[in-house]
Protein backbone atom coordinates (compact mmCIF):
# COMPACT_ATOMS: atom_id res chain seq x y z
CA MET A 1 -131.13 -18.43 -5.44
CA ARG A 2 -131.87 -20.17 -2.25
CA PRO A 3 -129.80 -19.05 0.73
CA PHE A 4 -128.51 -22.62 1.21
CA HIS A 5 -127.16 -22.79 -2.32
CA LEU A 6 -125.57 -19.26 -2.04
CA TYR A 7 -123.72 -20.57 1.10
CA ILE A 8 -122.32 -23.54 -0.82
CA VAL A 9 -121.00 -21.34 -3.66
CA LEU A 10 -119.32 -18.89 -1.21
CA LEU A 11 -117.66 -21.89 0.57
CA LEU A 12 -116.20 -23.33 -2.62
CA VAL A 13 -114.78 -19.97 -3.74
CA SER A 14 -113.21 -19.31 -0.46
CA SER A 15 -111.51 -22.89 -0.54
CA LEU A 16 -110.05 -22.43 -4.02
CA GLY A 17 -108.38 -19.17 -2.95
CA ALA A 18 -106.75 -20.75 0.01
CA CYS A 19 -105.22 -23.59 -2.07
CA SER A 20 -103.89 -21.44 -5.00
CA LYS A 21 -100.06 -21.00 -5.33
CA LYS A 22 -98.40 -17.70 -4.80
CA THR A 23 -95.91 -16.62 -7.47
CA VAL A 24 -92.63 -15.40 -5.88
CA SER A 25 -90.08 -13.37 -7.97
CA PHE A 26 -86.36 -13.54 -7.30
CA ASN A 27 -86.46 -9.74 -7.51
CA SER A 28 -88.90 -9.65 -4.70
CA ARG A 29 -87.77 -8.07 -1.50
CA ILE A 30 -88.53 -9.39 1.96
CA GLU A 31 -90.15 -6.83 3.97
CA PRO A 32 -88.75 -6.43 7.32
CA PRO A 33 -91.02 -7.14 10.24
CA ALA A 34 -92.93 -4.19 11.45
CA LEU A 35 -91.73 -4.61 14.95
CA ALA A 36 -87.93 -5.16 14.20
CA LEU A 37 -85.81 -3.45 16.89
CA ALA A 38 -82.84 -1.23 15.99
CA ASP A 39 -79.29 -2.82 16.45
CA THR A 40 -77.95 -1.33 19.71
CA LEU A 41 -74.37 -2.19 18.86
CA THR A 42 -74.09 0.23 15.81
CA ASN A 43 -74.91 3.81 15.19
CA SER A 44 -74.95 6.10 12.20
CA ASN A 45 -71.21 6.82 12.58
CA ASP A 46 -70.21 3.17 12.43
CA THR A 47 -71.97 2.62 9.02
CA THR A 48 -71.46 5.86 7.27
CA LYS A 49 -67.74 6.50 8.02
CA THR A 50 -64.89 4.28 6.79
CA PRO A 51 -61.96 4.10 9.21
CA SER A 52 -58.67 5.27 7.65
CA LEU A 53 -55.56 2.96 7.75
CA VAL A 54 -53.16 5.78 7.04
CA PRO A 55 -51.71 7.36 10.23
CA LYS A 56 -52.13 11.07 10.51
CA LYS A 57 -49.00 13.09 9.65
CA ILE A 58 -47.47 15.08 12.31
CA ALA A 59 -46.17 18.31 11.28
CA LEU A 60 -42.38 18.62 11.84
CA THR A 61 -40.34 21.74 11.93
CA LYS A 62 -37.50 22.12 9.44
CA GLU A 63 -35.02 21.56 12.09
CA GLN A 64 -36.77 18.29 13.13
CA GLU A 65 -36.92 17.12 9.49
CA LYS A 66 -33.22 17.69 8.93
CA ALA A 67 -32.31 15.89 12.10
CA ALA A 68 -34.35 12.90 11.16
CA LYS A 69 -32.79 12.72 7.64
CA ASP A 70 -29.21 13.09 9.14
CA LYS A 71 -29.95 10.23 11.63
CA GLU A 72 -31.29 7.95 8.72
CA LYS A 73 -28.13 8.68 6.64
CA ALA A 74 -25.91 7.88 9.62
CA GLU A 75 -27.66 4.56 10.22
CA GLN A 76 -27.12 3.68 6.53
CA ARG A 77 -23.40 4.60 6.75
CA LYS A 78 -22.79 2.26 9.77
CA PRO A 79 -20.99 -0.93 8.81
CA LYS A 80 -23.13 -4.04 9.43
CA LYS A 81 -21.50 -6.33 11.99
CA LYS A 82 -20.90 -9.78 10.56
CA LYS A 83 -21.23 -12.76 12.67
CA ASN A 84 -18.32 -15.01 11.78
CA ILE A 85 -19.47 -18.62 12.16
CA PHE A 86 -17.57 -21.76 11.13
CA LEU A 87 -18.96 -25.17 11.56
CA GLY A 88 -21.59 -23.86 14.06
CA GLU A 89 -19.00 -22.04 16.24
CA ARG A 90 -18.45 -18.34 16.56
CA ILE A 91 -14.90 -17.23 15.53
CA LYS A 92 -12.60 -14.27 15.70
CA LYS A 93 -10.09 -13.28 13.10
CA ALA A 94 -6.33 -12.78 14.06
CA TYR A 95 -2.96 -12.61 12.48
CA THR A 96 0.69 -12.86 13.40
CA LYS A 97 4.08 -11.94 11.80
CA SER A 98 7.45 -13.48 12.09
CA GLY A 99 10.86 -13.01 10.60
CA ALA A 100 12.54 -9.90 9.28
CA LYS A 101 10.61 -7.37 7.26
CA GLY A 102 10.80 -7.74 3.53
CA LYS A 103 10.41 -10.52 1.11
CA ASN A 104 11.03 -13.28 3.59
CA GLN A 105 8.59 -12.04 6.30
CA ILE A 106 5.90 -14.60 7.19
CA LEU A 107 2.36 -13.50 7.77
CA GLU A 108 -0.28 -15.99 9.14
CA VAL A 109 -3.98 -15.06 8.97
CA PHE A 110 -6.28 -17.27 10.87
CA TYR A 111 -9.39 -17.52 13.10
CA CYS A 112 -9.96 -18.71 16.72
CA LEU A 113 -12.90 -19.90 18.80
CA LYS A 114 -14.49 -16.87 20.33
CA THR A 115 -15.39 -18.94 23.43
CA PHE A 116 -12.98 -21.63 24.61
CA LYS A 117 -13.80 -25.31 24.11
CA GLU A 118 -11.59 -28.25 24.88
CA PRO A 119 -10.42 -30.14 21.81
CA ASN A 120 -11.00 -33.89 21.45
CA ALA A 121 -8.54 -35.78 23.63
CA TYR A 122 -7.87 -38.21 20.75
CA SER A 123 -6.78 -35.44 18.38
CA THR A 124 -3.43 -36.21 16.71
CA ALA A 125 -2.32 -32.60 16.97
CA VAL A 126 -3.93 -29.49 18.40
CA TYR A 127 -2.99 -25.98 17.43
CA TYR A 128 -3.73 -22.76 19.44
CA PHE A 129 -2.69 -19.08 19.40
CA ASN A 130 -1.05 -17.34 22.25
CA PRO A 131 -2.08 -13.61 21.95
CA ARG A 132 0.75 -12.37 24.36
CA LYS A 133 3.44 -14.24 22.56
CA ARG A 134 1.83 -13.55 19.15
CA LYS A 135 2.54 -17.02 17.95
CA ILE A 136 0.81 -20.24 16.95
CA PHE A 137 1.75 -23.32 18.92
CA ARG A 138 1.14 -27.02 18.73
CA ALA A 139 -0.20 -28.25 22.06
CA ASN A 140 1.90 -30.38 24.20
CA GLY A 141 -0.58 -31.16 27.02
CA GLU A 142 -3.70 -29.46 28.39
CA LEU A 143 -4.64 -26.01 27.10
CA ASN A 144 -5.10 -22.90 29.39
CA PRO A 145 -8.66 -21.52 28.72
CA ALA A 146 -7.47 -18.09 30.00
CA THR A 147 -4.66 -17.66 27.58
CA ASP A 148 -4.90 -20.20 24.76
CA LYS A 149 -7.06 -19.44 21.72
CA VAL A 150 -8.15 -22.70 19.93
CA LEU A 151 -7.72 -22.34 16.12
CA HIS A 152 -11.00 -22.82 14.18
CA GLY A 153 -11.62 -21.60 10.70
CA PRO A 154 -9.84 -20.82 7.49
CA TYR A 155 -5.97 -20.41 7.71
CA LYS A 156 -3.59 -18.66 5.26
CA LYS A 157 0.22 -18.39 5.38
CA LEU A 158 2.12 -15.83 3.25
CA GLN A 159 5.72 -15.21 2.64
CA GLY A 160 6.62 -11.84 1.19
CA GLY A 161 3.02 -11.34 0.20
CA LYS A 162 2.82 -14.74 -1.65
CA VAL A 163 0.54 -17.42 -0.39
CA ILE A 164 2.51 -20.58 0.52
CA GLU A 165 0.02 -22.50 2.61
CA THR A 166 -3.76 -22.61 3.05
CA GLY A 167 -6.21 -24.85 4.88
CA PHE A 168 -8.79 -24.96 7.68
CA PHE A 169 -8.73 -25.73 11.36
CA ALA A 170 -11.54 -27.37 13.33
CA MET A 171 -11.43 -27.37 17.20
CA GLY A 172 -7.69 -27.01 16.93
CA THR A 173 -7.07 -29.82 14.40
CA LYS A 174 -6.35 -29.64 10.68
CA HIS A 175 -9.55 -30.08 8.70
CA LEU A 176 -10.54 -30.35 5.01
CA ARG A 177 -7.88 -29.74 2.34
CA TRP A 178 -4.44 -28.30 3.11
CA GLU A 179 -2.09 -27.13 0.34
CA LYS A 180 1.52 -26.05 0.38
CA THR A 181 3.07 -24.12 -2.53
CA THR A 182 6.34 -22.37 -3.22
CA LYS A 183 6.42 -18.59 -3.60
CA ASP A 184 6.29 -19.36 -7.38
CA ASN A 185 2.95 -21.04 -7.00
CA VAL A 186 4.37 -24.50 -7.45
CA LEU A 187 2.19 -27.11 -5.51
CA VAL A 188 4.38 -29.00 -2.95
CA SER A 189 1.73 -31.02 -1.12
CA LYS A 190 -2.00 -31.40 -0.80
CA ILE A 191 -3.53 -33.38 2.06
CA HIS A 192 -7.24 -33.77 3.10
CA TYR A 193 -7.92 -34.05 6.78
CA GLU A 194 -10.92 -35.09 8.79
CA MET A 195 -10.86 -33.51 12.27
CA GLY A 196 -7.04 -33.89 12.46
CA PHE A 197 -6.86 -37.43 10.80
CA PRO A 198 -5.52 -37.67 7.29
CA ARG A 199 -8.22 -39.09 5.14
CA ASP A 200 -6.13 -42.12 4.24
CA ALA A 201 -4.79 -42.56 7.81
CA ASN A 202 -4.58 -46.07 9.18
CA VAL A 203 -6.44 -45.90 12.52
CA THR A 204 -6.56 -48.77 15.02
CA TYR A 205 -8.70 -49.07 18.16
CA TYR A 206 -8.57 -51.00 21.42
CA ASP A 207 -12.24 -51.91 21.42
CA ALA A 208 -14.56 -53.36 18.84
CA GLY A 209 -16.87 -50.33 19.05
CA GLN A 210 -14.07 -48.18 17.71
CA LYS A 211 -14.34 -45.57 20.52
CA GLN A 212 -10.96 -45.97 22.16
CA VAL A 213 -8.14 -45.07 19.63
CA LYS A 214 -4.89 -46.94 19.85
CA GLU A 215 -2.74 -45.52 16.94
CA VAL A 216 -3.12 -43.16 14.02
CA VAL A 217 -0.54 -43.71 11.33
CA PRO A 218 -0.89 -40.93 8.60
CA TYR A 219 -0.67 -41.98 4.94
CA VAL A 220 -1.17 -39.92 1.94
CA ASN A 221 -1.00 -41.74 -1.46
CA GLY A 222 0.68 -44.71 0.26
CA LYS A 223 3.45 -42.66 1.90
CA LEU A 224 3.79 -41.59 5.48
CA GLU A 225 2.57 -38.04 5.68
CA GLY A 226 1.09 -35.93 8.55
CA ASP A 227 0.70 -36.16 12.35
CA TYR A 228 1.20 -39.49 14.16
CA VAL A 229 -0.09 -40.28 17.60
CA ARG A 230 -0.36 -43.53 19.83
CA PHE A 231 -2.30 -43.95 23.05
CA ASN A 232 -2.08 -46.65 25.77
CA GLU A 233 -5.02 -48.69 26.96
CA PHE A 234 -5.98 -45.98 29.53
CA GLY A 235 -6.52 -43.47 26.77
CA LYS A 236 -3.37 -41.52 27.59
CA ARG A 237 -0.81 -40.49 25.00
CA GLU A 238 2.39 -42.49 24.54
CA TRP A 239 4.01 -40.85 21.45
CA ASP A 240 3.21 -38.10 19.05
CA GLY A 241 5.17 -36.55 16.18
CA ALA A 242 4.93 -35.87 12.45
CA PHE A 243 6.02 -37.34 9.12
CA GLU A 244 6.89 -35.60 5.88
CA ASN A 245 7.59 -37.33 2.60
CA GLY A 246 7.73 -40.74 4.48
CA LYS A 247 10.22 -39.42 7.19
CA ARG A 248 10.04 -38.30 10.76
CA ILE A 249 10.48 -34.61 11.21
CA GLY A 250 10.51 -32.06 14.02
CA GLU A 251 9.92 -32.97 17.58
CA TRP A 252 8.70 -36.43 18.73
CA THR A 253 7.45 -36.63 22.24
CA ASN A 254 7.06 -39.53 24.50
CA TYR A 255 4.73 -39.33 27.56
CA TRP A 256 4.57 -40.89 31.03
CA GLY A 257 1.13 -42.32 30.40
CA PHE A 258 -0.24 -42.23 33.96
CA ARG A 259 -3.73 -43.39 34.18
CA ASN A 260 -5.35 -40.72 36.35
CA THR A 261 -3.42 -37.63 35.41
CA LYS A 262 -3.03 -35.21 32.64
CA ASP A 263 -0.71 -36.24 29.74
CA ARG A 264 2.77 -35.56 31.03
CA ARG A 265 5.86 -35.40 28.72
CA HIS A 266 8.73 -37.58 29.52
CA TYR A 267 11.18 -37.36 26.64
CA VAL A 268 11.37 -34.97 23.70
CA TYR A 269 13.48 -35.99 20.65
CA GLU A 270 14.31 -33.92 17.58
CA TYR A 271 14.56 -34.98 13.99
CA GLY A 272 15.32 -33.08 10.98
CA GLU A 273 13.43 -30.04 9.78
CA SER A 274 12.39 -31.37 6.35
CA GLY A 275 11.31 -34.69 5.01
CA PHE A 276 13.04 -33.83 1.87
CA ASP A 277 16.45 -34.04 3.44
CA PRO A 278 18.06 -37.28 4.43
CA GLU A 279 16.27 -38.76 7.53
CA VAL A 280 18.14 -38.50 10.84
CA ALA A 281 19.14 -41.98 11.98
CA GLU A 282 19.52 -41.24 15.67
CA PRO A 283 17.27 -38.35 16.98
CA VAL A 284 18.67 -35.98 19.59
CA LEU A 285 17.23 -35.92 23.08
CA ILE A 286 16.53 -32.17 23.65
CA LYS A 287 14.37 -32.39 26.79
CA GLU A 288 13.52 -34.70 29.60
CA TYR A 289 10.79 -34.33 32.32
CA ASN A 290 10.52 -36.16 35.64
CA ARG A 291 7.30 -37.97 36.72
CA ASN A 292 5.97 -34.73 38.27
CA GLY A 293 6.19 -32.88 34.94
CA VAL A 294 9.28 -30.82 35.96
CA LEU A 295 11.96 -30.23 33.21
CA VAL A 296 15.18 -31.81 34.52
CA TYR A 297 17.15 -31.66 31.34
CA GLU A 298 17.45 -29.42 28.28
CA LYS A 299 20.10 -29.84 25.68
CA ASP A 300 23.03 -27.34 25.88
CA LYS A 301 21.32 -25.61 28.95
CA PHE A 302 21.18 -27.63 32.02
CA ASP A 303 21.10 -31.16 33.36
CA LYS A 304 19.38 -31.81 36.78
CA ARG A 305 18.90 -35.53 36.45
CA ASP A 306 19.87 -37.32 39.62
CA ALA A 307 20.59 -40.69 37.89
CA VAL A 308 20.67 -41.92 34.28
CA THR A 309 17.57 -44.01 33.41
CA ASP A 310 16.83 -46.21 30.46
CA ARG A 311 15.26 -44.19 27.79
CA PRO A 312 12.76 -45.77 25.39
CA GLY A 313 13.80 -46.30 21.77
CA ASN A 314 12.08 -44.81 18.87
CA THR A 315 8.61 -45.94 17.92
CA ASN A 316 8.37 -48.25 15.03
CA THR A 317 5.42 -46.75 13.19
CA ARG A 318 6.08 -48.21 9.86
CA ARG A 319 3.95 -51.11 8.76
CA ASN A 320 4.74 -54.13 6.82
């Protein structure tokens, strides 16, 4: 074969080899480059030892083990403190007793605000507890944050161990359902309150926006029942008292109604104790205060009034 022809054959063979496809298996391994550098961030310990997630146990002496067990048991026996909260406010439990010991003794169990807060000025009646006198009072004016504990939370009244009244207080006012029963568990009355207002109360306002209360006349099933209050145009109290079974009962208070001062009592009248007795036609004046809030007259005790003044008549709270 001529040298030229041999050159042509060799050239064709070499070109066919360059264009042929190389078969690659999925089991093939890619060889690392010969000049690959070792990872300087790892060493043999990093890759051959698995770190343990279990802490090493420290050997304790028998005395130390016993002390640890005793401490654990003591923690378990400790009573867990319960945070008493009612309507978002922290409260503290209290009780008071009245009357002679025995079947007629009265026990009242209730809760008070742990931190003093001033009740709503338009509340019909506000109740508080005086720890020194160990008695629940209905407020007749501003409360003293240092001594007066505003009632807030569940309330229960018992006589001779039998429940005779239950309900709730909210910021010193009666709230939710209140029930009175006899010692024989006979239901006497049931009233639902909303922050001191009976649910069926007739509330009137001085303004169209219903922000300045004028009068709250309490009704339950169409009958006068509960706390009554009336304010003047300056937002000051004029009268407050209570109805039971459609009749005025207890003390009814008239106020001076000064614009820029605290509510000051003027006259205090007394009606009968129960609404189930005949209503008192003419209430008895039992106290009178001068314009400075000083008591100048108290029935059967003293009379320091300088001159007799016209006294206001009774409020006509009944509606046609």
